[in-house]
Amino acid sequence: MLRIERETDGPQTVLRLIGRIRAESVDQLRQELENCTPAVALDLAEVNLVDVVAVRFLRDCQDLAIELRNVPAYIAEWIRHERAENDHC
């Protein structure tokens, strides 16, 4: 289950993600991002589980200049791995 808390940090909107990000959560996250200011960040400090669909979504967020904050090491490494695999295709 994923909980999303919206905060503001000056002109930036921060979506604090809590819990598990799975494939079924990605559409909800996309909708939340559509309702944010152009300056947006995702805070992953309290994320404890992701799946491959979520990791690819987070990779795509980075590509769109969406800041990822407090990314757990295993998620950061998985994103790097997915980016490298995508670059080789």
PDB file of N, CA and C in Angstrom:
ATOM      1  N   MET A   1       0.836  -1.173   0.000  1.00  0.00           N
ATOM      2  CA  MET A   1       0.000   0.000   0.000  1.00  0.00           C
ATOM      3  C   MET A   1       0.883   1.240   0.000  1.00  0.00           C
ATOM      4  N   LEU A   2       0.498   2.230  -0.780  1.00  0.00           N
ATOM      5  CA  LEU A   2       1.250   3.474  -0.894  1.00  0.00           C
ATOM      6  C   LEU A   2       0.415   4.626  -0.352  1.00  0.00           C
ATOM      7  N   ARG A   3       1.055   5.431   0.494  1.00  0.00           N
ATOM      8  CA  ARG A   3       0.436   6.663   0.966  1.00  0.00           C
ATOM      9  C   ARG A   3       1.256   7.820   0.401  1.00  0.00           C
ATOM     10  N   ILE A   4       0.572   8.853  -0.049  1.00  0.00           N
ATOM     11  CA  ILE A   4       1.230  10.017  -0.627  1.00  0.00           C
ATOM     12  C   ILE A   4       0.839  11.241   0.183  1.00  0.00           C
ATOM     13  N   GLU A   5       1.843  11.956   0.681  1.00  0.00           N
ATOM     14  CA  GLU A   5       1.605  13.197   1.410  1.00  0.00           C
ATOM     15  C   GLU A   5       2.209  14.339   0.611  1.00  0.00           C
ATOM     16  N   ARG A   6       1.442  15.379   0.414  1.00  0.00           N
ATOM     17  CA  ARG A   6       1.879  16.543  -0.367  1.00  0.00           C
ATOM     18  C   ARG A   6       2.353  17.635   0.586  1.00  0.00           C
ATOM     19  N   GLU A   7       3.550  18.157   0.288  1.00  0.00           N
ATOM     20  CA  GLU A   7       4.121  19.248   1.070  1.00  0.00           C
ATOM     21  C   GLU A   7       4.643  20.300   0.097  1.00  0.00           C
ATOM     22  N   THR A   8       4.862  21.510   0.595  1.00  0.00           N
ATOM     23  CA  THR A   8       5.489  22.529  -0.237  1.00  0.00           C
ATOM     24  C   THR A   8       6.824  22.900   0.380  1.00  0.00           C
ATOM     25  N   ASP A   9       7.780  23.139  -0.495  1.00  0.00           N
ATOM     26  CA  ASP A   9       9.119  23.550  -0.099  1.00  0.00           C
ATOM     27  C   ASP A   9       9.462  24.763  -0.951  1.00  0.00           C
ATOM     28  N   GLY A  10       8.977  25.928  -0.522  1.00  0.00           N
ATOM     29  CA  GLY A  10       9.098  27.127  -1.348  1.00  0.00           C
ATOM     30  C   GLY A  10       8.229  26.954  -2.586  1.00  0.00           C
ATOM     31  N   PRO A  11       8.814  27.163  -3.763  1.00  0.00           N
ATOM     32  CA  PRO A  11       8.029  27.007  -4.992  1.00  0.00           C
ATOM     33  C   PRO A  11       7.878  25.552  -5.443  1.00  0.00           C
ATOM     34  N   GLN A  12       8.519  24.647  -4.730  1.00  0.00           N
ATOM     35  CA  GLN A  12       8.506  23.241  -5.133  1.00  0.00           C
ATOM     36  C   GLN A  12       7.478  22.449  -4.341  1.00  0.00           C
ATOM     37  N   THR A  13       6.796  21.554  -5.042  1.00  0.00           N
ATOM     38  CA  THR A  13       5.894  20.605  -4.398  1.00  0.00           C
ATOM     39  C   THR A  13       6.671  19.328  -4.133  1.00  0.00           C
ATOM     40  N   VAL A  14       6.560  18.814  -2.933  1.00  0.00           N
ATOM     41  CA  VAL A  14       7.222  17.566  -2.572  1.00  0.00           C
ATOM     42  C   VAL A  14       6.145  16.533  -2.264  1.00  0.00           C
ATOM     43  N   LEU A  15       6.208  15.414  -2.969  1.00  0.00           N
ATOM     44  CA  LEU A  15       5.320  14.299  -2.678  1.00  0.00           C
ATOM     45  C   LEU A  15       6.111  13.286  -1.861  1.00  0.00           C
ATOM     46  N   ARG A  16       5.725  13.150  -0.606  1.00  0.00           N
ATOM     47  CA  ARG A  16       6.400  12.190   0.265  1.00  0.00           C
ATOM     48  C   ARG A  16       5.685  10.854   0.111  1.00  0.00           C
ATOM     49  N   LEU A  17       6.435   9.852  -0.326  1.00  0.00           N
ATOM     50  CA  LEU A  17       5.873   8.526  -0.586  1.00  0.00           C
ATOM     51  C   LEU A  17       6.186   7.623   0.594  1.00  0.00           C
ATOM     52  N   ILE A  18       5.160   6.929   1.065  1.00  0.00           N
ATOM     53  CA  ILE A  18       5.298   6.098   2.257  1.00  0.00           C
ATOM     54  C   ILE A  18       4.740   4.711   1.957  1.00  0.00           C
ATOM     55  N   GLY A  19       5.571   3.687   2.174  1.00  0.00           N
ATOM     56  CA  GLY A  19       5.116   2.315   1.980  1.00  0.00           C
ATOM     57  C   GLY A  19       5.682   1.678   0.732  1.00  0.00           C
ATOM     58  N   ARG A  20       4.815   1.013  -0.007  1.00  0.00           N
ATOM     59  CA  ARG A  20       5.221   0.222  -1.164  1.00  0.00           C
ATOM     60  C   ARG A  20       4.774   0.876  -2.463  1.00  0.00           C
ATOM     61  N   ILE A  21       5.711   0.958  -3.414  1.00  0.00           N
ATOM     62  CA  ILE A  21       5.365   1.454  -4.745  1.00  0.00           C
ATOM     63  C   ILE A  21       5.355   0.246  -5.668  1.00  0.00           C
ATOM     64  N   ARG A  22       4.202  -0.088  -6.151  1.00  0.00           N
ATOM     65  CA  ARG A  22       4.042  -1.227  -7.062  1.00  0.00           C
ATOM     66  C   ARG A  22       3.365  -0.751  -8.341  1.00  0.00           C
ATOM     67  N   ALA A  23       3.286  -1.635  -9.299  1.00  0.00           N
ATOM     68  CA  ALA A  23       2.699  -1.301 -10.601  1.00  0.00           C
ATOM     69  C   ALA A  23       1.338  -0.629 -10.451  1.00  0.00           C
ATOM     70  N   GLU A  24       0.523  -1.126  -9.548  1.00  0.00           N
ATOM     71  CA  GLU A  24      -0.816  -0.564  -9.385  1.00  0.00           C
ATOM     72  C   GLU A  24      -0.801   0.838  -8.772  1.00  0.00           C
ATOM     73  N   SER A  25       0.326   1.259  -8.203  1.00  0.00           N
ATOM     74  CA  SER A  25       0.455   2.599  -7.622  1.00  0.00           C
ATOM     75  C   SER A  25       0.901   3.643  -8.637  1.00  0.00           C
ATOM     76  N   VAL A  26       1.480   3.201  -9.740  1.00  0.00           N
ATOM     77  CA  VAL A  26       2.090   4.123 -10.699  1.00  0.00           C
ATOM     78  C   VAL A  26       1.059   5.069 -11.304  1.00  0.00           C
ATOM     79  N   ASP A  27      -0.122   4.591 -11.649  1.00  0.00           N
ATOM     80  CA  ASP A  27      -1.154   5.482 -12.202  1.00  0.00           C
ATOM     81  C   ASP A  27      -1.559   6.553 -11.196  1.00  0.00           C
ATOM     82  N   GLN A  28      -1.684   6.168  -9.946  1.00  0.00           N
ATOM     83  CA  GLN A  28      -2.012   7.134  -8.892  1.00  0.00           C
ATOM     84  C   GLN A  28      -0.910   8.186  -8.788  1.00  0.00           C
ATOM     85  N   LEU A  29       0.346   7.768  -8.859  1.00  0.00           N
ATOM     86  CA  LEU A  29       1.461   8.711  -8.806  1.00  0.00           C
ATOM     87  C   LEU A  29       1.453   9.653 -10.005  1.00  0.00           C
ATOM     88  N   ARG A  30       1.172   9.119 -11.173  1.00  0.00           N
ATOM     89  CA  ARG A  30       1.099   9.971 -12.378  1.00  0.00           C
ATOM     90  C   ARG A  30       0.040  11.058 -12.206  1.00  0.00           C
ATOM     91  N   GLN A  31      -1.118  10.682 -11.670  1.00  0.00           N
ATOM     92  CA  GLN A  31      -2.188  11.655 -11.455  1.00  0.00           C
ATOM     93  C   GLN A  31      -1.759  12.722 -10.454  1.00  0.00           C
ATOM     94  N   GLU A  32      -1.096  12.310  -9.395  1.00  0.00           N
ATOM     95  CA  GLU A  32      -0.611  13.281  -8.398  1.00  0.00           C
ATOM     96  C   GLU A  32       0.380  14.248  -9.038  1.00  0.00           C
ATOM     97  N   LEU A  33       1.277  13.727  -9.884  1.00  0.00           N
ATOM     98  CA  LEU A  33       2.274  14.579 -10.534  1.00  0.00           C
ATOM     99  C   LEU A  33       1.622  15.575 -11.484  1.00  0.00           C
ATOM    100  N   GLU A  34       0.541  15.174 -12.142  1.00  0.00           N
ATOM    101  CA  GLU A  34      -0.168  16.080 -13.048  1.00  0.00           C
ATOM    102  C   GLU A  34      -0.758  17.271 -12.300  1.00  0.00           C
ATOM    103  N   ASN A  35      -1.070  17.085 -11.027  1.00  0.00           N
ATOM    104  CA  ASN A  35      -1.685  18.138 -10.224  1.00  0.00           C
ATOM    105  C   ASN A  35      -0.668  18.984  -9.461  1.00  0.00           C
ATOM    106  N   CYS A  36       0.620  18.825  -9.777  1.00  0.00           N
ATOM    107  CA  CYS A  36       1.674  19.552  -9.084  1.00  0.00           C
ATOM    108  C   CYS A  36       2.203  20.688  -9.946  1.00  0.00           C
ATOM    109  N   THR A  37       2.877  21.602  -9.279  1.00  0.00           N
ATOM    110  CA  THR A  37       3.578  22.655  -9.996  1.00  0.00           C
ATOM    111  C   THR A  37       4.695  22.023 -10.818  1.00  0.00           C
ATOM    112  N   PRO A  38       5.227  22.766 -11.795  1.00  0.00           N
ATOM    113  CA  PRO A  38       6.316  22.204 -12.604  1.00  0.00           C
ATOM    114  C   PRO A  38       7.524  21.769 -11.767  1.00  0.00           C
ATOM    115  N   ALA A  39       7.778  22.473 -10.672  1.00  0.00           N
ATOM    116  CA  ALA A  39       8.881  22.098  -9.790  1.00  0.00           C
ATOM    117  C   ALA A  39       8.357  21.085  -8.778  1.00  0.00           C
ATOM    118  N   VAL A  40       8.758  19.839  -8.961  1.00  0.00           N
ATOM    119  CA  VAL A  40       8.246  18.783  -8.097  1.00  0.00           C
ATOM    120  C   VAL A  40       9.375  17.828  -7.720  1.00  0.00           C
ATOM    121  N   ALA A  41       9.251  17.272  -6.522  1.00  0.00           N
ATOM    122  CA  ALA A  41      10.212  16.280  -6.044  1.00  0.00           C
ATOM    123  C   ALA A  41       9.442  15.125  -5.417  1.00  0.00           C
ATOM    124  N   LEU A  42      10.027  13.949  -5.516  1.00  0.00           N
ATOM    125  CA  LEU A  42       9.485  12.767  -4.855  1.00  0.00           C
ATOM    126  C   LEU A  42      10.446  12.391  -3.736  1.00  0.00           C
ATOM    127  N   ASP A  43       9.944  12.330  -2.512  1.00  0.00           N
ATOM    128  CA  ASP A  43      10.757  11.955  -1.359  1.00  0.00           C
ATOM    129  C   ASP A  43      10.502  10.474  -1.071  1.00  0.00           C
ATOM    130  N   LEU A  44      11.546   9.676  -1.203  1.00  0.00           N
ATOM    131  CA  LEU A  44      11.418   8.225  -1.065  1.00  0.00           C
ATOM    132  C   LEU A  44      11.942   7.696   0.270  1.00  0.00           C
ATOM    133  N   ALA A  45      12.163   8.564   1.240  1.00  0.00           N
ATOM    134  CA  ALA A  45      12.766   8.160   2.503  1.00  0.00           C
ATOM    135  C   ALA A  45      11.992   7.036   3.197  1.00  0.00           C
ATOM    136  N   GLU A  46      10.685   7.018   3.034  1.00  0.00           N
ATOM    137  CA  GLU A  46       9.875   6.027   3.746  1.00  0.00           C
ATOM    138  C   GLU A  46       9.314   4.944   2.826  1.00  0.00           C
ATOM    139  N   VAL A  47       9.922   4.784   1.663  1.00  0.00           N
ATOM    140  CA  VAL A  47       9.525   3.702   0.753  1.00  0.00           C
ATOM    141  C   VAL A  47      10.270   2.454   1.179  1.00  0.00           C
ATOM    142  N   ASN A  48       9.539   1.364   1.360  1.00  0.00           N
ATOM    143  CA  ASN A  48      10.196   0.137   1.814  1.00  0.00           C
ATOM    144  C   ASN A  48      10.148  -1.005   0.811  1.00  0.00           C
ATOM    145  N   LEU A  49       9.444  -0.824  -0.313  1.00  0.00           N
ATOM    146  CA  LEU A  49       9.389  -1.882  -1.318  1.00  0.00           C
ATOM    147  C   LEU A  49       8.980  -1.286  -2.655  1.00  0.00           C
ATOM    148  N   VAL A  50       9.643  -1.720  -3.717  1.00  0.00           N
ATOM    149  CA  VAL A  50       9.288  -1.317  -5.078  1.00  0.00           C
ATOM    150  C   VAL A  50       9.321  -2.559  -5.966  1.00  0.00           C
ATOM    151  N   ASP A  51       8.635  -2.462  -7.105  1.00  0.00           N
ATOM    152  CA  ASP A  51       8.761  -3.516  -8.115  1.00  0.00           C
ATOM    153  C   ASP A  51       9.375  -2.904  -9.360  1.00  0.00           C
ATOM    154  N   VAL A  52       9.590  -3.720 -10.378  1.00  0.00           N
ATOM    155  CA  VAL A  52      10.288  -3.260 -11.578  1.00  0.00           C
ATOM    156  C   VAL A  52       9.524  -2.145 -12.297  1.00  0.00           C
ATOM    157  N   VAL A  53       8.209  -2.201 -12.312  1.00  0.00           N
ATOM    158  CA  VAL A  53       7.413  -1.148 -12.949  1.00  0.00           C
ATOM    159  C   VAL A  53       7.630   0.166 -12.218  1.00  0.00           C
ATOM    160  N   ALA A  54       7.665   0.143 -10.905  1.00  0.00           N
ATOM    161  CA  ALA A  54       7.893   1.351 -10.117  1.00  0.00           C
ATOM    162  C   ALA A  54       9.294   1.907 -10.361  1.00  0.00           C
ATOM    163  N   VAL A  55      10.284   1.036 -10.447  1.00  0.00           N
ATOM    164  CA  VAL A  55      11.655   1.481 -10.691  1.00  0.00           C
ATOM    165  C   VAL A  55      11.766   2.148 -12.060  1.00  0.00           C
ATOM    166  N   ARG A  56      11.135   1.572 -13.058  1.00  0.00           N
ATOM    167  CA  ARG A  56      11.158   2.176 -14.396  1.00  0.00           C
ATOM    168  C   ARG A  56      10.434   3.522 -14.396  1.00  0.00           C
ATOM    169  N   PHE A  57       9.363   3.625 -13.634  1.00  0.00           N
ATOM    170  CA  PHE A  57       8.653   4.894 -13.495  1.00  0.00           C
ATOM    171  C   PHE A  57       9.565   5.941 -12.851  1.00  0.00           C
ATOM    172  N   LEU A  58      10.269   5.569 -11.798  1.00  0.00           N
ATOM    173  CA  LEU A  58      11.170   6.494 -11.123  1.00  0.00           C
ATOM    174  C   LEU A  58      12.315   6.910 -12.043  1.00  0.00           C
ATOM    175  N   ARG A  59      12.813   5.986 -12.835  1.00  0.00           N
ATOM    176  CA  ARG A  59      13.846   6.312 -13.821  1.00  0.00           C
ATOM    177  C   ARG A  59      13.315   7.350 -14.811  1.00  0.00           C
ATOM    178  N   ASP A  60      12.096   7.129 -15.280  1.00  0.00           N
ATOM    179  CA  ASP A  60      11.477   8.067 -16.220  1.00  0.00           C
ATOM    180  C   ASP A  60      11.249   9.430 -15.575  1.00  0.00           C
ATOM    181  N   CYS A  61      10.910   9.433 -14.284  1.00  0.00           N
ATOM    182  CA  CYS A  61      10.744  10.702 -13.571  1.00  0.00           C
ATOM    183  C   CYS A  61      12.054  11.480 -13.580  1.00  0.00           C
ATOM    184  N   GLN A  62      13.150  10.812 -13.301  1.00  0.00           N
ATOM    185  CA  GLN A  62      14.452  11.476 -13.341  1.00  0.00           C
ATOM    186  C   GLN A  62      14.716  12.048 -14.731  1.00  0.00           C
ATOM    187  N   ASP A  63      14.378  11.300 -15.760  1.00  0.00           N
ATOM    188  CA  ASP A  63      14.585  11.765 -17.131  1.00  0.00           C
ATOM    189  C   ASP A  63      13.766  13.014 -17.433  1.00  0.00           C
ATOM    190  N   LEU A  64      12.649  13.195 -16.715  1.00  0.00           N
ATOM    191  CA  LEU A  64      11.790  14.370 -16.889  1.00  0.00           C
ATOM    192  C   LEU A  64      12.161  15.493 -15.918  1.00  0.00           C
ATOM    193  N   ALA A  65      13.321  15.372 -15.284  1.00  0.00           N
ATOM    194  CA  ALA A  65      13.835  16.370 -14.341  1.00  0.00           C
ATOM    195  C   ALA A  65      13.015  16.476 -13.057  1.00  0.00           C
ATOM    196  N   ILE A  66      12.350  15.389 -12.695  1.00  0.00           N
ATOM    197  CA  ILE A  66      11.676  15.327 -11.401  1.00  0.00           C
ATOM    198  C   ILE A  66      12.709  14.851 -10.390  1.00  0.00           C
ATOM    199  N   GLU A  67      12.910  15.651  -9.361  1.00  0.00           N
ATOM    200  CA  GLU A  67      13.929  15.336  -8.357  1.00  0.00           C
ATOM    201  C   GLU A  67      13.487  14.156  -7.497  1.00  0.00           C
ATOM    202  N   LEU A  68      14.395  13.221  -7.285  1.00  0.00           N
ATOM    203  CA  LEU A  68      14.164  12.120  -6.360  1.00  0.00           C
ATOM    204  C   LEU A  68      15.015  12.394  -5.124  1.00  0.00           C
ATOM    205  N   ARG A  69      14.357  12.491  -3.976  1.00  0.00           N
ATOM    206  CA  ARG A  69      15.054  12.765  -2.718  1.00  0.00           C
ATOM    207  C   ARG A  69      15.090  11.527  -1.845  1.00  0.00           C
ATOM    208  N   ASN A  70      16.159  11.429  -1.053  1.00  0.00           N
ATOM    209  CA  ASN A  70      16.267  10.377  -0.025  1.00  0.00           C
ATOM    210  C   ASN A  70      15.998   8.986  -0.595  1.00  0.00           C
ATOM    211  N   VAL A  71      16.630   8.696  -1.714  1.00  0.00           N
ATOM    212  CA  VAL A  71      16.417   7.419  -2.389  1.00  0.00           C
ATOM    213  C   VAL A  71      17.207   6.329  -1.661  1.00  0.00           C
ATOM    214  N   PRO A  72      16.538   5.278  -1.181  1.00  0.00           N
ATOM    215  CA  PRO A  72      17.285   4.171  -0.573  1.00  0.00           C
ATOM    216  C   PRO A  72      18.307   3.604  -1.568  1.00  0.00           C
ATOM    217  N   ALA A  73      19.433   3.172  -1.043  1.00  0.00           N
ATOM    218  CA  ALA A  73      20.546   2.719  -1.887  1.00  0.00           C
ATOM    219  C   ALA A  73      20.132   1.629  -2.867  1.00  0.00           C
ATOM    220  N   TYR A  74      19.329   0.665  -2.424  1.00  0.00           N
ATOM    221  CA  TYR A  74      18.968  -0.424  -3.329  1.00  0.00           C
ATOM    222  C   TYR A  74      18.097   0.061  -4.480  1.00  0.00           C
ATOM    223  N   ILE A  75      17.266   1.071  -4.230  1.00  0.00           N
ATOM    224  CA  ILE A  75      16.423   1.613  -5.300  1.00  0.00           C
ATOM    225  C   ILE A  75      17.287   2.416  -6.275  1.00  0.00           C
ATOM    226  N   ALA A  76      18.209   3.211  -5.756  1.00  0.00           N
ATOM    227  CA  ALA A  76      19.108   3.986  -6.620  1.00  0.00           C
ATOM    228  C   ALA A  76      19.909   3.056  -7.524  1.00  0.00           C
ATOM    229  N   GLU A  77      20.416   1.971  -6.965  1.00  0.00           N
ATOM    230  CA  GLU A  77      21.198   1.012  -7.761  1.00  0.00           C
ATOM    231  C   GLU A  77      20.320   0.349  -8.813  1.00  0.00           C
ATOM    232  N   TRP A  78      19.100  -0.001  -8.465  1.00  0.00           N
ATOM    233  CA  TRP A  78      18.177  -0.642  -9.413  1.00  0.00           C
ATOM    234  C   TRP A  78      17.835   0.326 -10.555  1.00  0.00           C
ATOM    235  N   ILE A  79      17.655   1.594 -10.231  1.00  0.00           N
ATOM    236  CA  ILE A  79      17.392   2.598 -11.268  1.00  0.00           C
ATOM    237  C   ILE A  79      18.584   2.673 -12.220  1.00  0.00           C
ATOM    238  N   ARG A  80      19.802   2.713 -11.664  1.00  0.00           N
ATOM    239  CA  ARG A  80      21.001   2.750 -12.513  1.00  0.00           C
ATOM    240  C   ARG A  80      21.066   1.521 -13.417  1.00  0.00           C
ATOM    241  N   HIS A  81      20.748   0.375 -12.862  1.00  0.00           N
ATOM    242  CA  HIS A  81      20.759  -0.871 -13.636  1.00  0.00           C
ATOM    243  C   HIS A  81      19.729  -0.815 -14.780  1.00  0.00           C
ATOM    244  N   GLU A  82      18.532  -0.359 -14.473  1.00  0.00           N
ATOM    245  CA  GLU A  82      17.485  -0.243 -15.506  1.00  0.00           C
ATOM    246  C   GLU A  82      17.877   0.752 -16.586  1.00  0.00           C
ATOM    247  N   ARG A  83      18.511   1.844 -16.189  1.00  0.00           N
ATOM    248  CA  ARG A  83      18.955   2.849 -17.164  1.00  0.00           C
ATOM    249  C   ARG A  83      20.030   2.239 -18.072  1.00  0.00           C
ATOM    250  N   ALA A  84      20.972   1.511 -17.508  1.00  0.00           N
ATOM    251  CA  ALA A  84      22.033   0.882 -18.295  1.00  0.00           C
ATOM    252  C   ALA A  84      21.462  -0.152 -19.253  1.00  0.00           C
ATOM    253  N   GLU A  85      20.512  -0.941 -18.784  1.00  0.00           N
ATOM    254  CA  GLU A  85      19.880  -1.953 -19.652  1.00  0.00           C
ATOM    255  C   GLU A  85      19.127  -1.279 -20.786  1.00  0.00           C
ATOM    256  N   ASN A  86      18.432  -0.191 -20.506  1.00  0.00           N
ATOM    257  CA  ASN A  86      17.672   0.529 -21.513  1.00  0.00           C
ATOM    258  C   ASN A  86      18.601   1.160 -22.555  1.00  0.00           C
ATOM    259  N   ASP A  87      19.762   1.639 -22.100  1.00  0.00           N
ATOM    260  CA  ASP A  87      20.732   2.249 -23.011  1.00  0.00           C
ATOM    261  C   ASP A  87      21.338   1.235 -23.972  1.00  0.00           C
ATOM    262  N   HIS A  88      21.391  -0.023 -23.568  1.00  0.00           N
ATOM    263  CA  HIS A  88      21.979  -1.062 -24.417  1.00  0.00           C
ATOM    264  C   HIS A  88      21.013  -1.594 -25.451  1.00  0.00           C
ATOM    265  N   CYS A  89      19.749  -1.262 -25.332  1.00  0.00           N
ATOM    266  CA  CYS A  89      18.746  -1.768 -26.279  1.00  0.00           C
ATOM    267  C   CYS A  89      18.684  -0.920 -27.529  1.00  0.00           C
TER     268      CYS A  89
END
